[in-house]
Amino acid sequence: MESLRPLHDKVILTNLETGERKSSGGIVIMNDDGKTEGIRARWAQVYAIGPDQKDVVVGDWVLMEHGRWTTAADLKLKGRDAFRFWRADEKCILGVSTDGKPPGIRVETIVDVPEAPITTKKT
């Protein structure tokens, strides 16, 4: 596959926050994904957007309402390493970080989001 182009106002995410967390006091909180205590909003990075998406741009770090993303899928694009992505429920984006990647979040691996957007917004 050469590229991934979301339709309409869809949002494709990568770098979804997972794994253990560390409190400000240094206490390690084990990975809670899929458990009752894991019900919380999580950060992810926008990888691609559909042409009608007006709220976010490629590269934004967004806070997603808990569970408002699809199950992970792996994708291999021509000229890139395979990476994991999720489709966001675009109506459940709670906010956008104004300072880039929020400090202290952990992701499985950091996927480099293309500098040039895969799909640009309509103007």
PDB file of N, CA and C in Angstrom:
ATOM      1  N   MET A   1       0.846  -1.165   0.000  1.00  0.00           N
ATOM      2  CA  MET A   1       0.000   0.000   0.000  1.00  0.00           C
ATOM      3  C   MET A   1       0.897   1.235   0.000  1.00  0.00           C
ATOM      4  N   GLU A   2       0.522   2.232  -0.806  1.00  0.00           N
ATOM      5  CA  GLU A   2       1.360   3.419  -0.919  1.00  0.00           C
ATOM      6  C   GLU A   2       0.980   4.527   0.044  1.00  0.00           C
ATOM      7  N   SER A   3      -0.315   4.693   0.312  1.00  0.00           N
ATOM      8  CA  SER A   3      -0.721   5.766   1.214  1.00  0.00           C
ATOM      9  C   SER A   3      -2.043   5.416   1.884  1.00  0.00           C
ATOM     10  N   LEU A   4      -2.389   6.214   2.867  1.00  0.00           N
ATOM     11  CA  LEU A   4      -3.626   6.037   3.612  1.00  0.00           C
ATOM     12  C   LEU A   4      -4.349   7.375   3.591  1.00  0.00           C
ATOM     13  N   ARG A   5      -5.562   7.391   3.061  1.00  0.00           N
ATOM     14  CA  ARG A   5      -6.319   8.634   2.959  1.00  0.00           C
ATOM     15  C   ARG A   5      -7.678   8.443   3.624  1.00  0.00           C
ATOM     16  N   PRO A   6      -7.871   9.018   4.808  1.00  0.00           N
ATOM     17  CA  PRO A   6      -9.179   8.924   5.472  1.00  0.00           C
ATOM     18  C   PRO A   6     -10.247   9.675   4.672  1.00  0.00           C
ATOM     19  N   LEU A   7     -11.483   9.239   4.809  1.00  0.00           N
ATOM     20  CA  LEU A   7     -12.594   9.872   4.117  1.00  0.00           C
ATOM     21  C   LEU A   7     -13.297  10.893   5.016  1.00  0.00           C
ATOM     22  N   HIS A   8     -13.980  11.834   4.407  1.00  0.00           N
ATOM     23  CA  HIS A   8     -14.823  12.830   5.078  1.00  0.00           C
ATOM     24  C   HIS A   8     -14.079  13.518   6.226  1.00  0.00           C
ATOM     25  N   ASP A   9     -14.619  13.415   7.460  1.00  0.00           N
ATOM     26  CA  ASP A   9     -13.975  14.094   8.596  1.00  0.00           C
ATOM     27  C   ASP A   9     -13.266  13.105   9.522  1.00  0.00           C
ATOM     28  N   LYS A  10     -12.925  11.930   9.005  1.00  0.00           N
ATOM     29  CA  LYS A  10     -12.295  10.883   9.820  1.00  0.00           C
ATOM     30  C   LYS A  10     -10.886  11.282  10.255  1.00  0.00           C
ATOM     31  N   VAL A  11     -10.463  10.698  11.385  1.00  0.00           N
ATOM     32  CA  VAL A  11      -9.144  10.977  11.960  1.00  0.00           C
ATOM     33  C   VAL A  11      -8.442   9.652  12.234  1.00  0.00           C
ATOM     34  N   ILE A  12      -7.228   9.506  11.724  1.00  0.00           N
ATOM     35  CA  ILE A  12      -6.395   8.336  11.988  1.00  0.00           C
ATOM     36  C   ILE A  12      -5.353   8.737  13.025  1.00  0.00           C
ATOM     37  N   LEU A  13      -5.211   7.918  14.075  1.00  0.00           N
ATOM     38  CA  LEU A  13      -4.279   8.192  15.161  1.00  0.00           C
ATOM     39  C   LEU A  13      -3.117   7.227  15.145  1.00  0.00           C
ATOM     40  N   THR A  14      -2.018   7.649  15.714  1.00  0.00           N
ATOM     41  CA  THR A  14      -0.899   6.767  16.008  1.00  0.00           C
ATOM     42  C   THR A  14      -0.342   7.223  17.358  1.00  0.00           C
ATOM     43  N   ASN A  15       0.625   6.518  17.884  1.00  0.00           N
ATOM     44  CA  ASN A  15       1.251   6.887  19.160  1.00  0.00           C
ATOM     45  C   ASN A  15       0.232   7.017  20.293  1.00  0.00           C
ATOM     46  N   LEU A  16      -0.749   6.090  20.358  1.00  0.00           N
ATOM     47  CA  LEU A  16      -1.743   6.102  21.436  1.00  0.00           C
ATOM     48  C   LEU A  16      -1.065   5.776  22.758  1.00  0.00           C
ATOM     49  N   GLU A  17      -1.393   6.537  23.773  1.00  0.00           N
ATOM     50  CA  GLU A  17      -0.801   6.357  25.106  1.00  0.00           C
ATOM     51  C   GLU A  17      -1.148   4.977  25.662  1.00  0.00           C
ATOM     52  N   THR A  18      -0.125   4.235  26.053  1.00  0.00           N
ATOM     53  CA  THR A  18      -0.301   2.903  26.634  1.00  0.00           C
ATOM     54  C   THR A  18       0.753   2.695  27.704  1.00  0.00           C
ATOM     55  N   GLY A  19       0.748   1.522  28.278  1.00  0.00           N
ATOM     56  CA  GLY A  19       1.818   1.145  29.202  1.00  0.00           C
ATOM     57  C   GLY A  19       1.655   1.711  30.595  1.00  0.00           C
ATOM     58  N   GLU A  20       2.692   1.493  31.385  1.00  0.00           N
ATOM     59  CA  GLU A  20       2.658   1.952  32.770  1.00  0.00           C
ATOM     60  C   GLU A  20       2.791   3.466  32.833  1.00  0.00           C
ATOM     61  N   ARG A  21       2.340   4.031  33.954  1.00  0.00           N
ATOM     62  CA  ARG A  21       2.445   5.467  34.191  1.00  0.00           C
ATOM     63  C   ARG A  21       3.235   5.682  35.471  1.00  0.00           C
ATOM     64  N   LYS A  22       3.765   6.884  35.622  1.00  0.00           N
ATOM     65  CA  LYS A  22       4.508   7.215  36.824  1.00  0.00           C
ATOM     66  C   LYS A  22       3.884   8.467  37.437  1.00  0.00           C
ATOM     67  N   SER A  23       3.568   8.401  38.739  1.00  0.00           N
ATOM     68  CA  SER A  23       2.990   9.559  39.416  1.00  0.00           C
ATOM     69  C   SER A  23       4.061  10.617  39.609  1.00  0.00           C
ATOM     70  N   SER A  24       3.644  11.819  39.966  1.00  0.00           N
ATOM     71  CA  SER A  24       4.611  12.906  40.179  1.00  0.00           C
ATOM     72  C   SER A  24       5.570  12.575  41.319  1.00  0.00           C
ATOM     73  N   GLY A  25       5.149  11.701  42.225  1.00  0.00           N
ATOM     74  CA  GLY A  25       6.009  11.287  43.337  1.00  0.00           C
ATOM     75  C   GLY A  25       6.922  10.114  42.992  1.00  0.00           C
ATOM     76  N   GLY A  26       6.840   9.619  41.743  1.00  0.00           N
ATOM     77  CA  GLY A  26       7.714   8.540  41.307  1.00  0.00           C
ATOM     78  C   GLY A  26       7.133   7.144  41.459  1.00  0.00           C
ATOM     79  N   ILE A  27       5.890   7.015  41.857  1.00  0.00           N
ATOM     80  CA  ILE A  27       5.265   5.705  42.007  1.00  0.00           C
ATOM     81  C   ILE A  27       4.860   5.190  40.628  1.00  0.00           C
ATOM     82  N   VAL A  28       5.260   3.962  40.293  1.00  0.00           N
ATOM     83  CA  VAL A  28       4.935   3.360  39.003  1.00  0.00           C
ATOM     84  C   VAL A  28       3.559   2.711  39.088  1.00  0.00           C
ATOM     85  N   ILE A  29       2.679   3.092  38.171  1.00  0.00           N
ATOM     86  CA  ILE A  29       1.342   2.513  38.072  1.00  0.00           C
ATOM     87  C   ILE A  29       1.378   1.578  36.867  1.00  0.00           C
ATOM     88  N   MET A  30       1.159   0.294  37.116  1.00  0.00           N
ATOM     89  CA  MET A  30       1.274  -0.716  36.068  1.00  0.00           C
ATOM     90  C   MET A  30       0.291  -0.443  34.926  1.00  0.00           C
ATOM     91  N   ASN A  31       0.551  -1.074  33.782  1.00  0.00           N
ATOM     92  CA  ASN A  31      -0.307  -0.932  32.615  1.00  0.00           C
ATOM     93  C   ASN A  31      -1.731  -1.319  32.996  1.00  0.00           C
ATOM     94  N   ASP A  32      -2.668  -0.415  32.767  1.00  0.00           N
ATOM     95  CA  ASP A  32      -4.048  -0.646  33.175  1.00  0.00           C
ATOM     96  C   ASP A  32      -5.001  -0.757  31.996  1.00  0.00           C
ATOM     97  N   ASP A  33      -4.478  -0.816  30.792  1.00  0.00           N
ATOM     98  CA  ASP A  33      -5.330  -0.868  29.616  1.00  0.00           C
ATOM     99  C   ASP A  33      -6.177  -2.135  29.639  1.00  0.00           C
ATOM    100  N   GLY A  34      -7.459  -1.992  29.413  1.00  0.00           N
ATOM    101  CA  GLY A  34      -8.361  -3.140  29.387  1.00  0.00           C
ATOM    102  C   GLY A  34      -8.890  -3.537  30.748  1.00  0.00           C
ATOM    103  N   LYS A  35      -8.522  -2.798  31.792  1.00  0.00           N
ATOM    104  CA  LYS A  35      -9.005  -3.083  33.141  1.00  0.00           C
ATOM    105  C   LYS A  35      -9.892  -1.928  33.589  1.00  0.00           C
ATOM    106  N   THR A  36     -10.705  -2.159  34.601  1.00  0.00           N
ATOM    107  CA  THR A  36     -11.622  -1.123  35.074  1.00  0.00           C
ATOM    108  C   THR A  36     -10.888   0.145  35.465  1.00  0.00           C
ATOM    109  N   GLU A  37      -9.745   0.009  36.132  1.00  0.00           N
ATOM    110  CA  GLU A  37      -9.001   1.192  36.552  1.00  0.00           C
ATOM    111  C   GLU A  37      -8.334   1.892  35.364  1.00  0.00           C
ATOM    112  N   GLY A  38      -8.352   1.240  34.204  1.00  0.00           N
ATOM    113  CA  GLY A  38      -7.765   1.828  33.001  1.00  0.00           C
ATOM    114  C   GLY A  38      -8.729   2.723  32.239  1.00  0.00           C
ATOM    115  N   ILE A  39      -9.923   2.913  32.791  1.00  0.00           N
ATOM    116  CA  ILE A  39     -10.900   3.755  32.108  1.00  0.00           C
ATOM    117  C   ILE A  39     -10.537   5.209  32.359  1.00  0.00           C
ATOM    118  N   ARG A  40      -9.913   5.801  31.362  1.00  0.00           N
ATOM    119  CA  ARG A  40      -9.469   7.195  31.455  1.00  0.00           C
ATOM    120  C   ARG A  40      -9.195   7.697  30.045  1.00  0.00           C
ATOM    121  N   ALA A  41      -9.183   8.993  29.918  1.00  0.00           N
ATOM    122  CA  ALA A  41      -8.840   9.588  28.631  1.00  0.00           C
ATOM    123  C   ALA A  41      -7.372   9.292  28.322  1.00  0.00           C
ATOM    124  N   ARG A  42      -7.032   9.207  27.043  1.00  0.00           N
ATOM    125  CA  ARG A  42      -5.654   8.924  26.635  1.00  0.00           C
ATOM    126  C   ARG A  42      -5.250   9.851  25.494  1.00  0.00           C
ATOM    127  N   TRP A  43      -3.941  10.123  25.446  1.00  0.00           N
ATOM    128  CA  TRP A  43      -3.373  10.962  24.399  1.00  0.00           C
ATOM    129  C   TRP A  43      -2.979  10.120  23.199  1.00  0.00           C
ATOM    130  N   ALA A  44      -3.081  10.703  22.013  1.00  0.00           N
ATOM    131  CA  ALA A  44      -2.625  10.074  20.776  1.00  0.00           C
ATOM    132  C   ALA A  44      -2.258  11.183  19.800  1.00  0.00           C
ATOM    133  N   GLN A  45      -1.525  10.807  18.759  1.00  0.00           N
ATOM    134  CA  GLN A  45      -1.110  11.791  17.773  1.00  0.00           C
ATOM    135  C   GLN A  45      -1.874  11.572  16.466  1.00  0.00           C
ATOM    136  N   VAL A  46      -2.279  12.664  15.851  1.00  0.00           N
ATOM    137  CA  VAL A  46      -3.017  12.598  14.585  1.00  0.00           C
ATOM    138  C   VAL A  46      -2.041  12.257  13.464  1.00  0.00           C
ATOM    139  N   TYR A  47      -2.325  11.165  12.763  1.00  0.00           N
ATOM    140  CA  TYR A  47      -1.477  10.709  11.657  1.00  0.00           C
ATOM    141  C   TYR A  47      -2.008  11.188  10.314  1.00  0.00           C
ATOM    142  N   ALA A  48      -3.317  11.172  10.145  1.00  0.00           N
ATOM    143  CA  ALA A  48      -3.932  11.595   8.880  1.00  0.00           C
ATOM    144  C   ALA A  48      -5.348  12.061   9.169  1.00  0.00           C
ATOM    145  N   ILE A  49      -5.859  12.951   8.322  1.00  0.00           N
ATOM    146  CA  ILE A  49      -7.225  13.450   8.470  1.00  0.00           C
ATOM    147  C   ILE A  49      -7.927  13.426   7.123  1.00  0.00           C
ATOM    148  N   GLY A  50      -9.243  13.320   7.194  1.00  0.00           N
ATOM    149  CA  GLY A  50     -10.050  13.400   5.983  1.00  0.00           C
ATOM    150  C   GLY A  50     -10.185  14.844   5.526  1.00  0.00           C
ATOM    151  N   PRO A  51     -10.601  15.051   4.293  1.00  0.00           N
ATOM    152  CA  PRO A  51     -10.665  16.406   3.726  1.00  0.00           C
ATOM    153  C   PRO A  51     -11.677  17.324   4.402  1.00  0.00           C
ATOM    154  N   ASP A  52     -12.655  16.789   5.122  1.00  0.00           N
ATOM    155  CA  ASP A  52     -13.657  17.621   5.778  1.00  0.00           C
ATOM    156  C   ASP A  52     -13.357  17.881   7.252  1.00  0.00           C
ATOM    157  N   GLN A  53     -12.253  17.365   7.773  1.00  0.00           N
ATOM    158  CA  GLN A  53     -11.904  17.541   9.184  1.00  0.00           C
ATOM    159  C   GLN A  53     -11.440  18.980   9.415  1.00  0.00           C
ATOM    160  N   LYS A  54     -12.071  19.669  10.356  1.00  0.00           N
ATOM    161  CA  LYS A  54     -11.754  21.072  10.603  1.00  0.00           C
ATOM    162  C   LYS A  54     -11.203  21.337  12.002  1.00  0.00           C
ATOM    163  N   ASP A  55     -11.196  20.338  12.877  1.00  0.00           N
ATOM    164  CA  ASP A  55     -10.814  20.567  14.270  1.00  0.00           C
ATOM    165  C   ASP A  55      -9.354  20.272  14.578  1.00  0.00           C
ATOM    166  N   VAL A  56      -8.735  19.370  13.834  1.00  0.00           N
ATOM    167  CA  VAL A  56      -7.346  18.985  14.119  1.00  0.00           C
ATOM    168  C   VAL A  56      -6.546  18.966  12.829  1.00  0.00           C
ATOM    169  N   VAL A  57      -5.230  18.977  12.973  1.00  0.00           N
ATOM    170  CA  VAL A  57      -4.339  18.856  11.819  1.00  0.00           C
ATOM    171  C   VAL A  57      -3.370  17.715  12.081  1.00  0.00           C
ATOM    172  N   VAL A  58      -2.761  17.227  11.018  1.00  0.00           N
ATOM    173  CA  VAL A  58      -1.777  16.159  11.134  1.00  0.00           C
ATOM    174  C   VAL A  58      -0.653  16.616  12.066  1.00  0.00           C
ATOM    175  N   GLY A  59      -0.279  15.752  13.011  1.00  0.00           N
ATOM    176  CA  GLY A  59       0.783  16.064  13.959  1.00  0.00           C
ATOM    177  C   GLY A  59       0.276  16.508  15.313  1.00  0.00           C
ATOM    178  N   ASP A  60      -0.990  16.934  15.425  1.00  0.00           N
ATOM    179  CA  ASP A  60      -1.551  17.345  16.717  1.00  0.00           C
ATOM    180  C   ASP A  60      -1.568  16.176  17.694  1.00  0.00           C
ATOM    181  N   TRP A  61      -1.354  16.460  18.969  1.00  0.00           N
ATOM    182  CA  TRP A  61      -1.566  15.494  20.044  1.00  0.00           C
ATOM    183  C   TRP A  61      -2.943  15.784  20.607  1.00  0.00           C
ATOM    184  N   VAL A  62      -3.829  14.779  20.578  1.00  0.00           N
ATOM    185  CA  VAL A  62      -5.209  14.965  21.019  1.00  0.00           C
ATOM    186  C   VAL A  62      -5.513  14.079  22.216  1.00  0.00           C
ATOM    187  N   LEU A  63      -6.393  14.570  23.092  1.00  0.00           N
ATOM    188  CA  LEU A  63      -6.859  13.799  24.236  1.00  0.00           C
ATOM    189  C   LEU A  63      -8.185  13.167  23.835  1.00  0.00           C
ATOM    190  N   MET A  64      -8.216  11.831  23.859  1.00  0.00           N
ATOM    191  CA  MET A  64      -9.393  11.082  23.424  1.00  0.00           C
ATOM    192  C   MET A  64     -10.186  10.576  24.619  1.00  0.00           C
ATOM    193  N   GLU A  65     -11.504  10.702  24.528  1.00  0.00           N
ATOM    194  CA  GLU A  65     -12.388  10.122  25.530  1.00  0.00           C
ATOM    195  C   GLU A  65     -12.124   8.618  25.570  1.00  0.00           C
ATOM    196  N   HIS A  66     -12.190   8.009  26.752  1.00  0.00           N
ATOM    197  CA  HIS A  66     -11.832   6.594  26.899  1.00  0.00           C
ATOM    198  C   HIS A  66     -12.596   5.696  25.926  1.00  0.00           C
ATOM    199  N   GLY A  67     -11.835   4.845  25.245  1.00  0.00           N
ATOM    200  CA  GLY A  67     -12.404   3.819  24.381  1.00  0.00           C
ATOM    201  C   GLY A  67     -13.020   4.317  23.088  1.00  0.00           C
ATOM    202  N   ARG A  68     -12.806   5.563  22.741  1.00  0.00           N
ATOM    203  CA  ARG A  68     -13.420   6.124  21.542  1.00  0.00           C
ATOM    204  C   ARG A  68     -12.468   6.051  20.360  1.00  0.00           C
ATOM    205  N   TRP A  69     -11.840   4.892  20.226  1.00  0.00           N
ATOM    206  CA  TRP A  69     -10.970   4.595  19.101  1.00  0.00           C
ATOM    207  C   TRP A  69     -11.142   3.121  18.776  1.00  0.00           C
ATOM    208  N   THR A  70     -10.779   2.734  17.568  1.00  0.00           N
ATOM    209  CA  THR A  70     -10.927   1.341  17.154  1.00  0.00           C
ATOM    210  C   THR A  70      -9.826   0.487  17.760  1.00  0.00           C
ATOM    211  N   THR A  71      -9.945  -0.817  17.585  1.00  0.00           N
ATOM    212  CA  THR A  71      -8.871  -1.727  17.929  1.00  0.00           C
ATOM    213  C   THR A  71      -7.682  -1.407  17.027  1.00  0.00           C
ATOM    214  N   ALA A  72      -6.487  -1.577  17.540  1.00  0.00           N
ATOM    215  CA  ALA A  72      -5.280  -1.254  16.770  1.00  0.00           C
ATOM    216  C   ALA A  72      -5.176  -2.135  15.530  1.00  0.00           C
ATOM    217  N   ALA A  73      -4.608  -1.566  14.492  1.00  0.00           N
ATOM    218  CA  ALA A  73      -4.315  -2.302  13.264  1.00  0.00           C
ATOM    219  C   ALA A  73      -2.892  -1.943  12.856  1.00  0.00           C
ATOM    220  N   ASP A  74      -2.214  -2.861  12.234  1.00  0.00           N
ATOM    221  CA  ASP A  74      -0.851  -2.610  11.769  1.00  0.00           C
ATOM    222  C   ASP A  74      -0.888  -2.358  10.261  1.00  0.00           C
ATOM    223  N   LEU A  75      -0.053  -1.439   9.813  1.00  0.00           N
ATOM    224  CA  LEU A  75      -0.059  -1.032   8.421  1.00  0.00           C
ATOM    225  C   LEU A  75       1.363  -0.852   7.937  1.00  0.00           C
ATOM    226  N   LYS A  76       1.617  -1.278   6.706  1.00  0.00           N
ATOM    227  CA  LYS A  76       2.919  -1.089   6.071  1.00  0.00           C
ATOM    228  C   LYS A  76       2.679  -0.272   4.813  1.00  0.00           C
ATOM    229  N   LEU A  77       3.200   0.964   4.805  1.00  0.00           N
ATOM    230  CA  LEU A  77       3.099   1.825   3.635  1.00  0.00           C
ATOM    231  C   LEU A  77       4.405   1.774   2.873  1.00  0.00           C
ATOM    232  N   LYS A  78       4.334   1.929   1.579  1.00  0.00           N
ATOM    233  CA  LYS A  78       5.525   1.896   0.731  1.00  0.00           C
ATOM    234  C   LYS A  78       6.542   2.929   1.219  1.00  0.00           C
ATOM    235  N   GLY A  79       7.780   2.473   1.441  1.00  0.00           N
ATOM    236  CA  GLY A  79       8.855   3.365   1.854  1.00  0.00           C
ATOM    237  C   GLY A  79       8.879   3.667   3.343  1.00  0.00           C
ATOM    238  N   ARG A  80       8.022   3.027   4.138  1.00  0.00           N
ATOM    239  CA  ARG A  80       7.983   3.268   5.583  1.00  0.00           C
ATOM    240  C   ARG A  80       7.992   1.944   6.321  1.00  0.00           C
ATOM    241  N   ASP A  81       8.434   1.982   7.584  1.00  0.00           N
ATOM    242  CA  ASP A  81       8.331   0.811   8.444  1.00  0.00           C
ATOM    243  C   ASP A  81       6.865   0.581   8.796  1.00  0.00           C
ATOM    244  N   ALA A  82       6.518  -0.663   9.118  1.00  0.00           N
ATOM    245  CA  ALA A  82       5.154  -0.951   9.564  1.00  0.00           C
ATOM    246  C   ALA A  82       4.897  -0.186  10.858  1.00  0.00           C
ATOM    247  N   PHE A  83       3.661   0.236  11.055  1.00  0.00           N
ATOM    248  CA  PHE A  83       3.306   0.945  12.273  1.00  0.00           C
ATOM    249  C   PHE A  83       1.876   0.611  12.669  1.00  0.00           C
ATOM    250  N   ARG A  84       1.542   0.938  13.912  1.00  0.00           N
ATOM    251  CA  ARG A  84       0.224   0.660  14.470  1.00  0.00           C
ATOM    252  C   ARG A  84      -0.606   1.941  14.418  1.00  0.00           C
ATOM    253  N   PHE A  85      -1.895   1.790  14.041  1.00  0.00           N
ATOM    254  CA  PHE A  85      -2.767   2.958  13.992  1.00  0.00           C
ATOM    255  C   PHE A  85      -4.162   2.612  14.514  1.00  0.00           C
ATOM    256  N   TRP A  86      -4.923   3.649  14.820  1.00  0.00           N
ATOM    257  CA  TRP A  86      -6.292   3.548  15.301  1.00  0.00           C
ATOM    258  C   TRP A  86      -7.128   4.592  14.572  1.00  0.00           C
ATOM    259  N   ARG A  87      -8.412   4.312  14.375  1.00  0.00           N
ATOM    260  CA  ARG A  87      -9.314   5.352  13.870  1.00  0.00           C
ATOM    261  C   ARG A  87     -10.036   5.944  15.063  1.00  0.00           C
ATOM    262  N   ALA A  88     -10.010   7.258  15.163  1.00  0.00           N
ATOM    263  CA  ALA A  88     -10.641   7.954  16.280  1.00  0.00           C
ATOM    264  C   ALA A  88     -12.111   8.204  15.985  1.00  0.00           C
ATOM    265  N   ASP A  89     -12.899   8.226  17.044  1.00  0.00           N
ATOM    266  CA  ASP A  89     -14.257   8.752  16.933  1.00  0.00           C
ATOM    267  C   ASP A  89     -14.086  10.265  17.024  1.00  0.00           C
ATOM    268  N   GLU A  90     -14.145  10.926  15.890  1.00  0.00           N
ATOM    269  CA  GLU A  90     -13.803  12.349  15.827  1.00  0.00           C
ATOM    270  C   GLU A  90     -14.682  13.224  16.713  1.00  0.00           C
ATOM    271  N   LYS A  91     -15.862  12.741  17.088  1.00  0.00           N
ATOM    272  CA  LYS A  91     -16.741  13.512  17.971  1.00  0.00           C
ATOM    273  C   LYS A  91     -16.308  13.414  19.435  1.00  0.00           C
ATOM    274  N   CYS A  92     -15.362  12.530  19.734  1.00  0.00           N
ATOM    275  CA  CYS A  92     -14.945  12.309  21.118  1.00  0.00           C
ATOM    276  C   CYS A  92     -13.524  12.790  21.397  1.00  0.00           C
ATOM    277  N   ILE A  93     -13.038  13.704  20.561  1.00  0.00           N
ATOM    278  CA  ILE A  93     -11.753  14.343  20.842  1.00  0.00           C
ATOM    279  C   ILE A  93     -12.038  15.423  21.874  1.00  0.00           C
ATOM    280  N   LEU A  94     -11.431  15.276  23.058  1.00  0.00           N
ATOM    281  CA  LEU A  94     -11.700  16.195  24.159  1.00  0.00           C
ATOM    282  C   LEU A  94     -10.915  17.492  24.057  1.00  0.00           C
ATOM    283  N   GLY A  95      -9.741  17.426  23.463  1.00  0.00           N
ATOM    284  CA  GLY A  95      -8.920  18.620  23.351  1.00  0.00           C
ATOM    285  C   GLY A  95      -7.650  18.343  22.585  1.00  0.00           C
ATOM    286  N   VAL A  96      -6.917  19.417  22.297  1.00  0.00           N
ATOM    287  CA  VAL A  96      -5.668  19.352  21.550  1.00  0.00           C
ATOM    288  C   VAL A  96      -4.581  19.992  22.389  1.00  0.00           C
ATOM    289  N   SER A  97      -3.423  19.346  22.504  1.00  0.00           N
ATOM    290  CA  SER A  97      -2.293  19.921  23.235  1.00  0.00           C
ATOM    291  C   SER A  97      -1.750  21.112  22.460  1.00  0.00           C
ATOM    292  N   THR A  98      -1.532  22.196  23.161  1.00  0.00           N
ATOM    293  CA  THR A  98      -0.969  23.386  22.511  1.00  0.00           C
ATOM    294  C   THR A  98       0.551  23.384  22.577  1.00  0.00           C
ATOM    295  N   ASP A  99       1.122  22.409  23.297  1.00  0.00           N
ATOM    296  CA  ASP A  99       2.573  22.355  23.492  1.00  0.00           C
ATOM    297  C   ASP A  99       3.203  21.102  22.914  1.00  0.00           C
ATOM    298  N   GLY A 100       2.591  20.487  21.918  1.00  0.00           N
ATOM    299  CA  GLY A 100       3.151  19.260  21.355  1.00  0.00           C
ATOM    300  C   GLY A 100       2.865  18.070  22.253  1.00  0.00           C
ATOM    301  N   LYS A 101       3.752  17.078  22.243  1.00  0.00           N
ATOM    302  CA  LYS A 101       3.555  15.848  23.025  1.00  0.00           C
ATOM    303  C   LYS A 101       3.482  16.192  24.506  1.00  0.00           C
ATOM    304  N   PRO A 102       2.384  15.794  25.168  1.00  0.00           N
ATOM    305  CA  PRO A 102       2.261  16.061  26.598  1.00  0.00           C
ATOM    306  C   PRO A 102       3.359  15.343  27.374  1.00  0.00           C
ATOM    307  N   PRO A 103       3.933  15.986  28.378  1.00  0.00           N
ATOM    308  CA  PRO A 103       5.006  15.356  29.138  1.00  0.00           C
ATOM    309  C   PRO A 103       4.492  14.167  29.957  1.00  0.00           C
ATOM    310  N   GLY A 104       5.325  13.171  30.106  1.00  0.00           N
ATOM    311  CA  GLY A 104       5.023  12.049  30.987  1.00  0.00           C
ATOM    312  C   GLY A 104       4.142  10.963  30.408  1.00  0.00           C
ATOM    313  N   ILE A 105       3.751  11.056  29.154  1.00  0.00           N
ATOM    314  CA  ILE A 105       2.946   9.964  28.603  1.00  0.00           C
ATOM    315  C   ILE A 105       3.868   8.939  27.952  1.00  0.00           C
ATOM    316  N   ARG A 106       3.395   7.690  27.934  1.00  0.00           N
ATOM    317  CA  ARG A 106       4.192   6.616  27.346  1.00  0.00           C
ATOM    318  C   ARG A 106       3.423   5.994  26.203  1.00  0.00           C
ATOM    319  N   VAL A 107       4.137   5.696  25.142  1.00  0.00           N
ATOM    320  CA  VAL A 107       3.551   4.999  24.003  1.00  0.00           C
ATOM    321  C   VAL A 107       4.441   3.803  23.694  1.00  0.00           C
ATOM    322  N   GLU A 108       3.883   2.778  23.024  1.00  0.00           N
ATOM    323  CA  GLU A 108       4.667   1.576  22.699  1.00  0.00           C
ATOM    324  C   GLU A 108       5.919   1.953  21.924  1.00  0.00           C
ATOM    325  N   THR A 109       5.739   2.602  20.811  1.00  0.00           N
ATOM    326  CA  THR A 109       6.841   3.098  19.990  1.00  0.00           C
ATOM    327  C   THR A 109       6.385   4.416  19.411  1.00  0.00           C
ATOM    328  N   ILE A 110       7.296   5.305  19.179  1.00  0.00           N
ATOM    329  CA  ILE A 110       6.931   6.577  18.568  1.00  0.00           C
ATOM    330  C   ILE A 110       7.007   6.421  17.052  1.00  0.00           C
ATOM    331  N   VAL A 111       5.893   6.657  16.390  1.00  0.00           N
ATOM    332  CA  VAL A 111       5.839   6.632  14.936  1.00  0.00           C
ATOM    333  C   VAL A 111       6.035   8.059  14.459  1.00  0.00           C
ATOM    334  N   ASP A 112       6.954   8.254  13.546  1.00  0.00           N
ATOM    335  CA  ASP A 112       7.162   9.582  12.993  1.00  0.00           C
ATOM    336  C   ASP A 112       5.992   9.928  12.080  1.00  0.00           C
ATOM    337  N   VAL A 113       5.328  11.009  12.421  1.00  0.00           N
ATOM    338  CA  VAL A 113       4.226  11.484  11.592  1.00  0.00           C
ATOM    339  C   VAL A 113       4.845  12.265  10.438  1.00  0.00           C
ATOM    340  N   PRO A 114       4.400  12.015   9.215  1.00  0.00           N
ATOM    341  CA  PRO A 114       4.992  12.699   8.064  1.00  0.00           C
ATOM    342  C   PRO A 114       4.933  14.218   8.224  1.00  0.00           C
ATOM    343  N   GLU A 115       6.010  14.886   7.796  1.00  0.00           N
ATOM    344  CA  GLU A 115       6.029  16.347   7.887  1.00  0.00           C
ATOM    345  C   GLU A 115       4.971  16.943   6.977  1.00  0.00           C
ATOM    346  N   ALA A 116       4.860  16.432   5.766  1.00  0.00           N
ATOM    347  CA  ALA A 116       3.820  16.904   4.855  1.00  0.00           C
ATOM    348  C   ALA A 116       2.572  16.081   5.135  1.00  0.00           C
ATOM    349  N   PRO A 117       1.443  16.727   5.383  1.00  0.00           N
ATOM    350  CA  PRO A 117       0.229  15.972   5.673  1.00  0.00           C
ATOM    351  C   PRO A 117      -0.104  14.989   4.552  1.00  0.00           C
ATOM    352  N   ILE A 118      -0.587  13.834   4.954  1.00  0.00           N
ATOM    353  CA  ILE A 118      -1.020  12.840   3.984  1.00  0.00           C
ATOM    354  C   ILE A 118      -2.240  13.353   3.254  1.00  0.00           C
ATOM    355  N   THR A 119      -3.139  13.969   3.996  1.00  0.00           N
ATOM    356  CA  THR A 119      -4.346  14.555   3.424  1.00  0.00           C
ATOM    357  C   THR A 119      -4.480  15.943   4.027  1.00  0.00           C
ATOM    358  N   THR A 120      -4.679  16.930   3.207  1.00  0.00           N
ATOM    359  CA  THR A 120      -4.823  18.281   3.724  1.00  0.00           C
ATOM    360  C   THR A 120      -6.266  18.655   3.890  1.00  0.00           C
ATOM    361  N   LYS A 121      -6.517  19.664   4.709  1.00  0.00           N
ATOM    362  CA  LYS A 121      -7.866  20.152   4.932  1.00  0.00           C
ATOM    363  C   LYS A 121      -8.325  20.960   3.733  1.00  0.00           C
ATOM    364  N   LYS A 122      -9.648  20.949   3.514  1.00  0.00           N
ATOM    365  CA  LYS A 122     -10.232  21.821   2.492  1.00  0.00           C
ATOM    366  C   LYS A 122     -10.143  23.258   2.992  1.00  0.00           C
ATOM    367  N   THR A 123      -9.888  24.179   2.100  1.00  0.00           N
ATOM    368  CA  THR A 123      -9.871  25.589   2.496  1.00  0.00           C
ATOM    369  C   THR A 123     -10.959  26.353   1.796  1.00  0.00           C
TER     370      THR A 123
END
